[in-house]
Amino acid sequence: MPHKHGWGHSLISQVRQLAVDAEIGALVMFHHDPDRTDAQLDEIQIENERHLKSHRTPIRSVVAAEGMQIKVSKPVFGGDTIFSIS
């Protein structure tokens, strides 16, 4: 992304790898380049899933869209984090 050098954002590939390295539970991509099309965002989601699968990680990934609501909560008595999208 040389044409956007200095914007202060990470590359998508860097974010994916950071998610794997940090062993996070969920990766939500947001704050997108406004010039990206819906098809390009769909391709990012596909690439996310491919990358995470290749690393055999249980990380869930979603590319956020306008109007999407994401609720993340942890059960009081342990268990897995609840991650719901509407």
Protein backbone atom coordinates (compact mmCIF):
# COMPACT_ATOMS: atom_id res chain seq x y z
CA MET A 1 0.00 0.00 0.00
CA PRO A 2 2.64 2.56 -0.91
CA HIS A 3 -0.03 5.08 -1.93
CA LYS A 4 -1.31 5.08 1.68
CA HIS A 5 2.07 5.15 3.39
CA GLY A 6 1.95 7.22 6.55
CA TRP A 7 -1.75 6.74 7.26
CA GLY A 8 -0.85 4.90 10.48
CA HIS A 9 -2.76 1.69 9.78
CA SER A 10 -1.51 -1.88 9.66
CA LEU A 11 -1.70 -4.11 6.61
CA ILE A 12 -4.46 -6.72 6.70
CA SER A 13 -1.85 -9.48 6.50
CA GLN A 14 -0.16 -8.04 9.61
CA VAL A 15 -3.46 -7.96 11.51
CA ARG A 16 -4.21 -11.59 10.60
CA GLN A 17 -0.80 -12.74 11.79
CA LEU A 18 -1.03 -10.69 14.99
CA ALA A 19 -4.37 -12.37 15.75
CA VAL A 20 -2.75 -15.79 15.36
CA ASP A 21 0.34 -14.86 17.38
CA ALA A 22 -1.75 -13.34 20.19
CA GLU A 23 -4.10 -16.37 20.22
CA ILE A 24 -7.18 -14.16 20.37
CA GLY A 25 -10.71 -15.57 20.34
CA ALA A 26 -12.26 -13.34 17.69
CA LEU A 27 -11.00 -11.02 14.96
CA VAL A 28 -13.35 -8.25 13.86
CA MET A 29 -12.13 -6.19 10.93
CA PHE A 30 -13.59 -2.67 10.87
CA HIS A 31 -12.63 0.88 9.93
CA HIS A 32 -12.37 -0.09 6.27
CA ASP A 33 -11.00 1.92 3.40
CA PRO A 34 -14.11 3.70 2.07
CA ASP A 35 -13.00 2.97 -1.50
CA ARG A 36 -13.35 -0.81 -0.97
CA THR A 37 -16.37 -2.50 -2.50
CA ASP A 38 -18.57 -5.06 -0.77
CA ALA A 39 -17.00 -7.72 -2.99
CA GLN A 40 -13.53 -6.70 -1.82
CA LEU A 41 -14.64 -6.91 1.82
CA ASP A 42 -16.08 -10.37 1.12
CA GLU A 43 -12.71 -11.39 -0.32
CA ILE A 44 -10.97 -10.15 2.84
CA GLN A 45 -13.28 -12.39 4.89
CA ILE A 46 -12.45 -15.37 2.68
CA GLU A 47 -8.72 -14.64 3.00
CA ASN A 48 -9.09 -14.30 6.80
CA GLU A 49 -10.76 -17.69 7.03
CA ARG A 50 -8.13 -19.27 4.76
CA HIS A 51 -5.27 -17.81 6.82
CA LEU A 52 -6.76 -18.84 10.16
CA LYS A 53 -7.53 -22.34 8.90
CA SER A 54 -3.95 -22.75 7.61
CA HIS A 55 -2.71 -22.00 11.14
CA ARG A 56 -5.19 -24.46 12.67
CA THR A 57 -6.51 -21.84 15.07
CA PRO A 58 -10.05 -21.62 16.51
CA ILE A 59 -10.15 -17.83 16.03
CA ARG A 60 -13.47 -16.60 14.69
CA SER A 61 -13.31 -13.85 12.09
CA VAL A 62 -15.82 -11.37 10.76
CA VAL A 63 -15.54 -8.33 8.52
CA ALA A 64 -17.88 -5.75 10.03
CA ALA A 65 -20.49 -4.06 7.88
CA GLU A 66 -22.49 -0.91 8.40
CA GLY A 67 -25.37 -1.53 10.79
CA MET A 68 -23.93 -4.82 12.07
CA GLN A 69 -24.23 -5.38 15.81
CA ILE A 70 -21.71 -7.61 17.55
CA LYS A 71 -22.16 -8.72 21.14
CA VAL A 72 -19.25 -10.29 22.98
CA SER A 73 -19.81 -11.57 26.50
CA LYS A 74 -18.19 -13.97 28.92
CA PRO A 75 -20.35 -16.33 30.98
CA VAL A 76 -20.17 -15.57 34.70
CA PHE A 77 -19.09 -19.09 35.69
CA GLY A 78 -16.47 -19.71 33.02
CA GLY A 79 -16.94 -21.36 29.67
CA ASP A 80 -16.38 -20.01 26.21
CA THR A 81 -16.91 -16.39 25.24
CA ILE A 82 -20.26 -15.79 23.55
CA PHE A 83 -19.90 -14.03 20.21
CA SER A 84 -23.13 -13.16 18.40
CA ILE A 85 -23.72 -11.08 15.29
CA SER A 86 -26.98 -9.52 14.16
